[in-house]
């Protein structure tokens, strides 16, 4: 079969698809708008396979040649050439159609990767065999053969899904996940969506599968998602941090003032004093809904190590703590991270515009000790507001090294240098992971 990978990219999805189909004996062609120098890392990963590369352009003849086109999520689904595809899919869509193992899917704006990683850790700690992938940076095609061959009744796939991945998945019939978890909804990707409603409805299309979703784990106090909750057709488990969020009857978990409370149809069935990050509540709630005993869940939370680029403590050097929060690509995420730091903060922020409101970020910057800006279109808009509010800042800087060097000059003992951009990374960096890796590399070299 002739298979076209439409958009190789640098996040691994295109590479995994090309590698999987090539190993299966198909004829593979890869096309991408970028040139070889920008894709060198991905190209190196495919050097052992007989693959034809068409770089710097997308061509109609390649689409017509292919029996199956695997589209990269970064490519808009309404790209004119794709209308001519005999069959169009994505790595996520192909995986859904060619596996039968129970699927647990996680979506939302912020907290997806933390929930995905922690839930996988909890399930693994409970002696389940867990396959984890999706938007977290691992294509499920990396483990599709192991999933297809697995016959265990204590196995599950945990997938983080972006709105773009869900949009591609829902363009044709797909099997229902056993569980859908929403973390939070905040304004994001408004450079690609015409409205917040369109953005939210793409995520909600996970509930448009061929059969009903068995269980939905939902944030009860999310103001953007709340109007859509009555339309969700699934057994719903709610999580929340305010006791007055829902009126009975409801089932779910609250966590407030160090007390975790479990409700069954509005009635308290269990209370437990414990301490964990509120960002862990979606994963804790999902594990409980999946049937993992609470003591096992809390025990696993205590051994969880966290993930890269999300409030990641990189190093303490010369009495300064360096934190990498490069995955904070929206203003609200920066404010959330700042709220959890008690020491003086010297913030590195800014970057490329996603048509989000810089006023939201500026409002959270009044309490930081110094601000160091990375150059970009969002930074230009933010700078205008900082000037208006007379909030001092340094930069914009055209490199991570320069921004960190500036922050170090401002930072005193027992303070924090925080990379939490609140914006996209493109321009100076390949992606948010590259941005975070450069921060970590410089800090570790001190």
Protein backbone atom coordinates (compact mmCIF):
# COMPACT_ATOMS: atom_id res chain seq x y z
CA UNK A 1 0.00 0.00 0.00
CA UNK A 2 1.20 3.54 -0.78
CA UNK A 3 1.16 5.68 2.36
CA UNK A 4 1.82 9.42 2.48
CA UNK A 5 2.89 11.09 5.73
CA UNK A 6 1.53 14.61 5.23
CA UNK A 7 3.66 16.73 7.56
CA UNK A 8 6.69 15.09 9.20
CA UNK A 9 7.08 17.67 11.98
CA UNK A 10 9.49 17.61 14.90
CA UNK A 11 7.27 16.24 17.71
CA UNK A 12 7.62 12.58 16.76
CA UNK A 13 4.14 11.76 15.41
CA UNK A 14 5.15 11.85 11.75
CA UNK A 15 8.35 9.94 12.49
CA UNK A 16 6.48 7.22 14.39
CA UNK A 17 3.91 6.84 11.62
CA UNK A 18 6.55 6.62 8.91
CA UNK A 19 8.58 4.12 10.92
CA UNK A 20 5.57 1.94 11.75
CA UNK A 21 4.20 1.72 8.20
CA UNK A 22 7.66 1.25 6.68
CA UNK A 23 8.38 -1.65 9.06
CA UNK A 24 5.05 -3.18 7.99
CA UNK A 25 6.28 -3.30 4.40
CA UNK A 26 4.32 -0.41 2.88
CA UNK A 27 5.73 2.10 0.40
CA UNK A 28 6.22 5.38 2.26
CA UNK A 29 6.48 8.93 1.03
CA UNK A 30 6.89 11.90 3.39
CA UNK A 31 6.07 15.49 2.52
CA UNK A 32 6.62 18.61 4.61
CA UNK A 33 6.70 22.36 3.99
CA UNK A 34 9.95 22.70 5.92
CA UNK A 35 13.36 22.08 4.41
CA UNK A 36 15.78 19.35 5.52
CA UNK A 37 17.82 21.55 7.86
CA UNK A 38 14.75 22.29 10.01
CA UNK A 39 13.78 18.61 10.09
CA UNK A 40 17.22 17.08 10.52
CA UNK A 41 16.49 15.41 13.85
CA UNK A 42 13.37 13.73 12.45
CA UNK A 43 15.17 12.75 9.24
CA UNK A 44 17.99 11.15 11.22
CA UNK A 45 15.45 8.96 13.04
CA UNK A 46 14.24 7.61 9.68
CA UNK A 47 17.64 7.09 8.03
CA UNK A 48 17.41 3.28 8.34
CA UNK A 49 14.16 3.07 6.34
CA UNK A 50 13.53 3.20 2.59
CA UNK A 51 11.42 6.37 2.53
CA UNK A 52 11.04 9.00 -0.19
CA UNK A 53 11.10 12.59 1.10
CA UNK A 54 9.47 15.55 -0.66
CA UNK A 55 10.47 18.61 1.37
CA UNK A 56 9.68 22.31 1.06
CA UNK A 57 6.28 21.72 -0.52
CA UNK A 58 3.06 19.70 -0.51
CA UNK A 59 2.08 18.31 -3.93
CA UNK A 60 -1.22 17.11 -5.30
CA UNK A 61 0.53 14.26 -7.12
CA UNK A 62 1.66 12.82 -3.78
CA UNK A 63 -1.87 12.91 -2.37
CA UNK A 64 -3.25 11.22 -5.49
CA UNK A 65 -0.46 8.60 -5.33
CA UNK A 66 -1.34 7.55 -1.78
CA UNK A 67 -3.85 4.89 -0.79
CA UNK A 68 -3.75 6.33 2.75
CA UNK A 69 -2.72 9.81 3.92
CA UNK A 70 -1.63 10.19 7.56
CA UNK A 71 -1.99 13.88 8.44
CA UNK A 72 0.09 15.65 11.07
CA UNK A 73 -2.18 17.44 13.63
CA UNK A 74 -0.37 20.72 12.91
CA UNK A 75 -1.69 20.64 9.34
CA UNK A 76 -5.16 22.26 9.13
CA UNK A 77 -7.79 19.66 8.28
CA UNK A 78 -9.25 21.95 5.59
CA UNK A 79 -5.98 22.08 3.64
CA UNK A 80 -7.19 22.01 0.00
CA UNK A 81 -4.92 19.15 -1.10
CA UNK A 82 -6.37 16.79 1.51
CA UNK A 83 -9.79 16.86 -0.15
CA UNK A 84 -8.32 14.62 -2.87
CA UNK A 85 -7.12 11.92 -0.45
CA UNK A 86 -8.55 8.44 -1.06
CA UNK A 87 -8.41 7.81 2.69
CA UNK A 88 -7.37 10.35 5.32
CA UNK A 89 -6.41 9.60 8.90
CA UNK A 90 -4.00 10.53 11.69
CA UNK A 91 -1.81 8.41 13.94
CA UNK A 92 -4.45 8.75 16.69
CA UNK A 93 -7.31 7.84 14.35
CA UNK A 94 -5.47 4.82 12.96
CA UNK A 95 -4.68 3.63 16.49
CA UNK A 96 -8.32 3.98 17.60
CA UNK A 97 -9.53 1.90 14.66
CA UNK A 98 -6.93 -0.87 14.90
CA UNK A 99 -6.89 -1.62 18.64
CA UNK A 100 -9.48 -2.89 21.09
CA UNK A 101 -7.82 -2.26 24.47
CA UNK A 102 -9.72 0.12 26.82
CA UNK A 103 -8.87 3.75 26.12
CA UNK A 104 -8.61 6.51 28.72
CA UNK A 105 -8.37 9.92 27.05
CA UNK A 106 -7.36 13.22 28.64
CA UNK A 107 -8.03 16.63 27.15
CA UNK A 108 -8.37 20.23 28.32
CA UNK A 109 -6.30 23.39 28.07
CA UNK A 110 -3.88 23.07 30.98
CA UNK A 111 -3.01 20.07 33.13
CA UNK A 112 -3.32 17.42 30.39
CA UNK A 113 0.23 16.12 30.57
CA UNK A 114 0.37 16.13 34.36
CA UNK A 115 -2.92 14.22 34.51
CA UNK A 116 -1.77 11.78 31.82
CA UNK A 117 1.56 11.06 33.49
CA UNK A 118 0.17 10.84 37.04
CA UNK A 119 -2.79 8.66 36.10
CA UNK A 120 -0.45 6.29 34.24
CA UNK A 121 1.76 6.18 37.32
CA UNK A 122 -1.19 5.41 39.63
CA UNK A 123 -2.50 2.64 37.37
CA UNK A 124 0.97 1.12 36.98
CA UNK A 125 1.46 1.26 40.74
CA UNK A 126 -1.78 -0.74 41.04
CA UNK A 127 -0.19 -3.52 38.93
CA UNK A 128 -1.89 -2.59 35.68
CA UNK A 129 -0.08 -2.67 32.34
CA UNK A 130 -0.33 0.86 30.98
CA UNK A 131 0.53 2.24 27.53
CA UNK A 132 0.88 6.04 27.56
CA UNK A 133 1.06 8.38 24.58
CA UNK A 134 -0.62 11.02 22.45
CA UNK A 135 0.05 14.72 22.76
CA UNK A 136 2.45 14.03 25.62
CA UNK A 137 5.07 13.43 22.91
CA UNK A 138 4.70 9.70 22.19
CA UNK A 139 2.70 8.53 19.19
CA UNK A 140 0.56 5.48 20.02
CA UNK A 141 1.94 3.90 16.85
CA UNK A 142 5.12 3.39 18.89
CA UNK A 143 3.31 0.70 20.91
CA UNK A 144 0.40 -0.35 18.67
CA UNK A 145 1.81 -3.85 18.09
CA UNK A 146 2.22 -4.52 21.83
CA UNK A 147 -1.36 -3.34 22.40
CA UNK A 148 -2.72 -5.51 19.59
CA UNK A 149 -0.98 -8.59 21.01
CA UNK A 150 -1.90 -7.93 24.66
CA UNK A 151 -4.70 -10.10 26.07
CA UNK A 152 -4.55 -8.98 29.71
CA UNK A 153 -7.73 -7.79 31.41
CA UNK A 154 -5.56 -5.47 33.53
CA UNK A 155 -4.23 -3.28 30.75
CA UNK A 156 -5.24 0.14 29.44
CA UNK A 157 -4.10 2.87 27.06
CA UNK A 158 -3.84 6.41 28.46
CA UNK A 159 -3.78 9.10 25.75
CA UNK A 160 -3.39 12.85 26.06
CA UNK A 161 -5.28 14.47 23.18
CA UNK A 162 -5.14 18.04 21.92
CA UNK A 163 -8.17 19.69 20.37
CA UNK A 164 -6.55 19.33 16.93
CA UNK A 165 -6.00 15.60 17.42
CA UNK A 166 -9.62 15.17 18.52
CA UNK A 167 -10.83 17.20 15.55
CA UNK A 168 -8.95 14.90 13.15
CA UNK A 169 -10.22 11.81 14.99
CA UNK A 170 -13.87 12.87 14.87
CA UNK A 171 -13.96 13.48 11.11
CA UNK A 172 -14.88 9.81 10.65
CA UNK A 173 -16.48 7.15 12.85
CA UNK A 174 -14.36 6.10 15.84
CA UNK A 175 -14.80 3.79 18.81
CA UNK A 176 -15.64 5.33 22.15
CA UNK A 177 -13.03 5.73 24.86
CA UNK A 178 -13.92 3.98 28.08
CA UNK A 179 -13.21 7.21 29.97
CA UNK A 180 -12.88 10.86 28.94
CA UNK A 181 -11.16 13.25 31.37
CA UNK A 182 -11.37 17.03 31.06
CA UNK A 183 -8.76 18.93 33.08
CA UNK A 184 -9.63 22.60 32.57
CA UNK A 185 -10.76 24.93 29.82
CA UNK A 186 -9.11 28.32 29.26
CA UNK A 187 -8.77 30.57 26.20
CA UNK A 188 -6.19 29.06 23.87
CA UNK A 189 -5.43 28.61 20.14
CA UNK A 190 -7.65 31.52 19.21
CA UNK A 191 -5.33 32.10 16.27
CA UNK A 192 -6.70 28.86 14.79
CA UNK A 193 -10.26 28.75 16.14
CA UNK A 194 -12.89 31.33 15.32
CA UNK A 195 -14.36 31.25 18.84
CA UNK A 196 -14.09 29.63 22.25
CA UNK A 197 -17.23 27.66 21.41
CA UNK A 198 -15.53 26.07 18.39
CA UNK A 199 -12.47 25.25 20.50
CA UNK A 200 -14.55 23.61 23.26
CA UNK A 201 -16.79 21.71 20.84
CA UNK A 202 -13.76 20.14 19.16
CA UNK A 203 -12.79 18.69 22.56
CA UNK A 204 -16.38 17.63 23.29
CA UNK A 205 -16.50 15.67 20.04
CA UNK A 206 -14.82 12.85 21.99
CA UNK A 207 -18.41 12.11 23.08
CA UNK A 208 -19.57 11.70 19.45
CA UNK A 209 -18.14 8.19 19.10
CA UNK A 210 -20.02 5.23 17.63
CA UNK A 211 -21.13 4.13 21.11
CA UNK A 212 -21.53 6.11 24.35
CA UNK A 213 -18.54 6.92 26.53
CA UNK A 214 -18.79 4.92 29.76
CA UNK A 215 -17.44 7.56 32.14
CA UNK A 216 -16.59 11.26 32.05
CA UNK A 217 -14.38 12.90 34.69
CA UNK A 218 -15.13 16.62 34.69
CA UNK A 219 -14.20 19.86 36.49
CA UNK A 220 -17.38 21.04 38.17
CA UNK A 221 -16.18 24.59 38.76
CA UNK A 222 -14.77 25.33 35.29
CA UNK A 223 -16.66 28.39 34.08
CA UNK A 224 -15.98 27.73 30.39
CA UNK A 225 -17.04 24.08 30.46
CA UNK A 226 -19.97 24.45 32.85
CA UNK A 227 -22.58 25.47 30.20
CA UNK A 228 -21.79 22.30 28.23
CA UNK A 229 -22.02 19.81 31.13
CA UNK A 230 -25.77 19.04 30.68
CA UNK A 231 -25.09 17.87 27.11
CA UNK A 232 -22.51 15.24 28.10
CA UNK A 233 -24.06 11.77 27.82
CA UNK A 234 -21.95 9.64 30.16
CA UNK A 235 -21.71 8.63 33.80
CA UNK A 236 -20.18 11.80 35.19
CA UNK A 237 -17.68 12.03 38.03
CA UNK A 238 -16.94 15.60 39.10
CA UNK A 239 -13.88 17.04 40.81
CA UNK A 240 -13.79 20.45 42.46
CA UNK A 241 -12.09 22.57 45.09
CA UNK A 242 -15.16 24.49 46.31
CA UNK A 243 -17.82 22.73 48.36
CA UNK A 244 -20.62 24.92 46.98
CA UNK A 245 -19.93 24.10 43.33
CA UNK A 246 -22.64 21.48 42.82
CA UNK A 247 -25.97 20.70 44.36
CA UNK A 248 -26.93 17.06 45.06
CA UNK A 249 -27.24 14.54 43.58
CA UNK A 250 -23.74 14.21 42.13
CA UNK A 251 -20.76 11.90 42.49
CA UNK A 252 -17.16 12.93 42.64
CA UNK A 253 -14.25 14.20 44.70
CA UNK A 254 -13.52 17.54 46.32
CA UNK A 255 -10.20 18.65 47.75
CA UNK A 256 -10.09 21.74 49.94
CA UNK A 257 -8.05 22.78 53.00
CA UNK A 258 -6.15 19.50 52.95
CA UNK A 259 -9.30 17.36 53.12
CA UNK A 260 -10.28 15.01 50.30
CA UNK A 261 -13.99 14.18 50.29
CA UNK A 262 -15.70 11.53 48.17
CA UNK A 263 -19.38 11.96 47.29
CA UNK A 264 -21.81 9.36 45.98
CA UNK A 265 -25.01 10.92 44.66
CA UNK A 266 -24.50 13.93 46.89
CA UNK A 267 -23.77 11.95 50.06
CA UNK A 268 -20.35 11.97 51.72
CA UNK A 269 -18.99 8.42 51.74
CA UNK A 270 -15.37 9.04 52.74
CA UNK A 271 -13.11 11.84 53.98
CA UNK A 272 -9.35 11.74 54.22
CA UNK A 273 -6.79 14.32 55.37
CA UNK A 274 -3.93 14.43 52.87
CA UNK A 275 -1.61 16.81 51.06
CA UNK A 276 -1.03 16.99 47.32
CA UNK A 277 -0.93 19.55 44.52
CA UNK A 278 -4.45 20.53 43.40
CA UNK A 279 -3.22 19.97 39.82
CA UNK A 280 -3.28 16.25 40.69
CA UNK A 281 -7.02 16.22 41.44
CA UNK A 282 -8.17 15.21 37.90
CA UNK A 283 -5.87 12.15 37.92
CA UNK A 284 -6.84 11.22 41.49
CA UNK A 285 -10.53 11.47 40.57
CA UNK A 286 -10.07 9.45 37.38
CA UNK A 287 -8.20 6.69 39.19
CA UNK A 288 -10.95 6.49 41.81
CA UNK A 289 -13.60 6.38 39.07
CA UNK A 290 -11.61 3.60 37.38
CA UNK A 291 -11.83 1.53 40.56
CA UNK A 292 -8.40 2.01 42.15
CA UNK A 293 -8.67 2.03 45.99
CA UNK A 294 -8.02 5.43 47.57
CA UNK A 295 -5.06 4.26 49.74
CA UNK A 296 -3.34 2.95 46.59
CA UNK A 297 -4.01 6.24 44.78
CA UNK A 298 -2.59 8.42 47.56
CA UNK A 299 0.41 6.12 47.96
CA UNK A 300 1.21 6.46 44.27
CA UNK A 301 0.82 10.25 44.41
CA UNK A 302 3.53 10.37 47.07
CA UNK A 303 6.01 8.63 44.76
CA UNK A 304 5.15 10.64 41.63
CA UNK A 305 8.20 12.51 40.28
CA UNK A 306 6.50 15.00 37.96
CA UNK A 307 7.26 15.68 34.29
CA UNK A 308 9.53 17.95 32.33
CA UNK A 309 8.63 21.53 31.38
CA UNK A 310 5.81 21.82 33.92
CA UNK A 311 6.89 23.59 37.11
CA UNK A 312 10.06 21.52 36.88
CA UNK A 313 12.69 22.41 39.46
CA UNK A 314 15.89 22.23 37.43
CA UNK A 315 18.48 23.24 39.99
CA UNK A 316 19.29 25.28 43.08
CA UNK A 317 22.50 27.22 42.44
CA UNK A 318 23.99 30.03 44.54
CA UNK A 319 20.80 30.06 46.64
CA UNK A 320 18.65 30.65 43.55
CA UNK A 321 16.00 28.11 42.49
CA UNK A 322 15.57 27.67 38.73
CA UNK A 323 12.14 26.43 37.57
CA UNK A 324 11.29 25.38 34.01
CA UNK A 325 7.61 25.95 33.23
CA UNK A 326 8.03 26.22 29.47
CA UNK A 327 4.77 24.34 28.84
CA UNK A 328 2.90 27.37 30.23
CA UNK A 329 1.90 28.66 26.80
CA UNK A 330 -1.12 30.72 27.91
CA UNK A 331 -1.27 33.68 30.32
CA UNK A 332 -3.49 31.93 32.88
CA UNK A 333 -0.91 29.17 33.30
CA UNK A 334 1.72 31.72 34.32
CA UNK A 335 -0.56 33.17 36.96
CA UNK A 336 -1.26 29.68 38.30
CA UNK A 337 2.44 28.88 38.60
CA UNK A 338 3.24 32.22 40.23
CA UNK A 339 0.56 31.59 42.87
CA UNK A 340 2.45 28.54 44.12
CA UNK A 341 5.87 30.20 44.63
CA UNK A 342 6.60 31.85 47.98
CA UNK A 343 10.06 33.31 47.28
CA UNK A 344 10.76 36.47 45.20
CA UNK A 345 10.30 35.60 41.52
CA UNK A 346 12.35 36.82 38.58
CA UNK A 347 10.20 35.87 35.61
CA UNK A 348 11.26 35.04 32.06
CA UNK A 349 8.17 35.31 29.85
CA UNK A 350 6.88 36.28 26.42
CA UNK A 351 7.12 34.80 22.96
CA UNK A 352 4.93 34.25 19.90
CA UNK A 353 1.31 35.40 19.73
CA UNK A 354 -1.65 32.96 19.76
CA UNK A 355 -4.23 35.77 19.74
CA UNK A 356 -4.60 35.58 23.52
CA UNK A 357 -5.15 38.55 25.82
CA UNK A 358 -1.87 40.00 27.17
CA UNK A 359 -3.87 41.93 29.78
CA UNK A 360 -4.42 38.61 31.60
CA UNK A 361 -0.68 38.09 31.94
CA UNK A 362 0.08 41.70 32.81
CA UNK A 363 -2.45 41.58 35.65
CA UNK A 364 -0.48 38.77 37.28
CA UNK A 365 2.90 40.48 37.05
CA UNK A 366 2.45 43.18 39.69
CA UNK A 367 3.97 41.01 42.43
CA UNK A 368 7.05 39.64 40.65
CA UNK A 369 10.46 41.04 41.51
CA UNK A 370 11.63 41.45 37.91
CA UNK A 371 10.46 40.63 34.37
CA UNK A 372 12.71 39.50 31.52
CA UNK A 373 11.09 39.25 28.10
CA UNK A 374 11.77 36.82 25.27
CA UNK A 375 11.29 38.47 21.88
CA UNK A 376 8.14 37.72 19.88
CA UNK A 377 4.83 39.06 18.60
CA UNK A 378 3.02 38.41 21.90
CA UNK A 379 5.84 40.19 23.74
CA UNK A 380 5.32 43.26 21.57
CA UNK A 381 1.69 43.47 22.69
CA UNK A 382 2.59 42.73 26.32
CA UNK A 383 5.31 45.39 26.31
CA UNK A 384 2.76 48.04 25.37
CA UNK A 385 0.68 47.15 28.43
CA UNK A 386 3.71 47.05 30.74
CA UNK A 387 4.67 50.54 29.56
CA UNK A 388 1.12 51.77 30.16
CA UNK A 389 1.02 50.31 33.67
CA UNK A 390 4.60 51.45 34.36
CA UNK A 391 5.72 47.93 35.18
CA UNK A 392 9.51 47.78 34.62
CA UNK A 393 11.00 45.00 32.53
CA UNK A 394 14.19 43.96 30.75
CA UNK A 395 14.55 42.95 27.12
CA UNK A 396 13.16 41.73 24.79
CA UNK A 397 15.99 39.23 24.42
CA UNK A 398 16.59 37.19 21.28
CA UNK A 399 18.11 34.20 23.10
CA UNK A 400 17.42 32.16 26.23
CA UNK A 401 20.99 32.66 27.44
CA UNK A 402 20.59 36.44 27.39
CA UNK A 403 17.26 36.30 29.24
CA UNK A 404 18.66 34.06 31.99
CA UNK A 405 21.77 36.21 32.30
CA UNK A 406 19.57 39.26 32.78
CA UNK A 407 17.44 37.49 35.39
CA UNK A 408 20.55 36.39 37.31
CA UNK A 409 21.71 40.00 37.57
CA UNK A 410 18.40 40.89 39.24
CA UNK A 411 18.06 37.85 41.50
CA UNK A 412 19.27 37.80 45.07
CA UNK A 413 19.70 34.91 47.51
CA UNK A 414 16.67 32.74 48.29
CA UNK A 415 14.84 33.80 45.16
CA UNK A 416 13.48 31.99 42.09
CA UNK A 417 14.22 32.41 38.40
CA UNK A 418 11.13 31.12 36.61
CA UNK A 419 10.71 30.41 32.91
CA UNK A 420 6.95 30.62 32.43
CA UNK A 421 6.36 32.26 29.03
CA UNK A 422 2.58 32.52 28.70
CA UNK A 423 3.04 32.43 24.93
CA UNK A 424 3.99 30.14 22.05
CA UNK A 425 7.64 29.40 21.36
CA UNK A 426 7.90 29.74 17.59
CA UNK A 427 10.44 32.18 16.21
CA UNK A 428 13.25 31.72 18.71
CA UNK A 429 12.62 28.00 19.36
CA UNK A 430 11.32 24.92 17.53
CA UNK A 431 8.66 24.31 20.17
CA UNK A 432 8.03 24.70 23.92
CA UNK A 433 10.14 21.63 24.67
CA UNK A 434 13.13 23.06 22.82
CA UNK A 435 12.61 26.30 24.76
CA UNK A 436 12.59 24.45 28.08
CA UNK A 437 15.57 22.30 27.11
CA UNK A 438 17.63 25.39 26.33
CA UNK A 439 16.72 26.87 29.69
CA UNK A 440 17.77 23.67 31.46
CA UNK A 441 20.98 23.33 29.48
CA UNK A 442 22.11 26.86 30.36
CA UNK A 443 21.17 26.50 34.04
CA UNK A 444 23.00 23.16 34.35
CA UNK A 445 26.10 24.70 32.79
CA UNK A 446 26.42 27.36 35.50
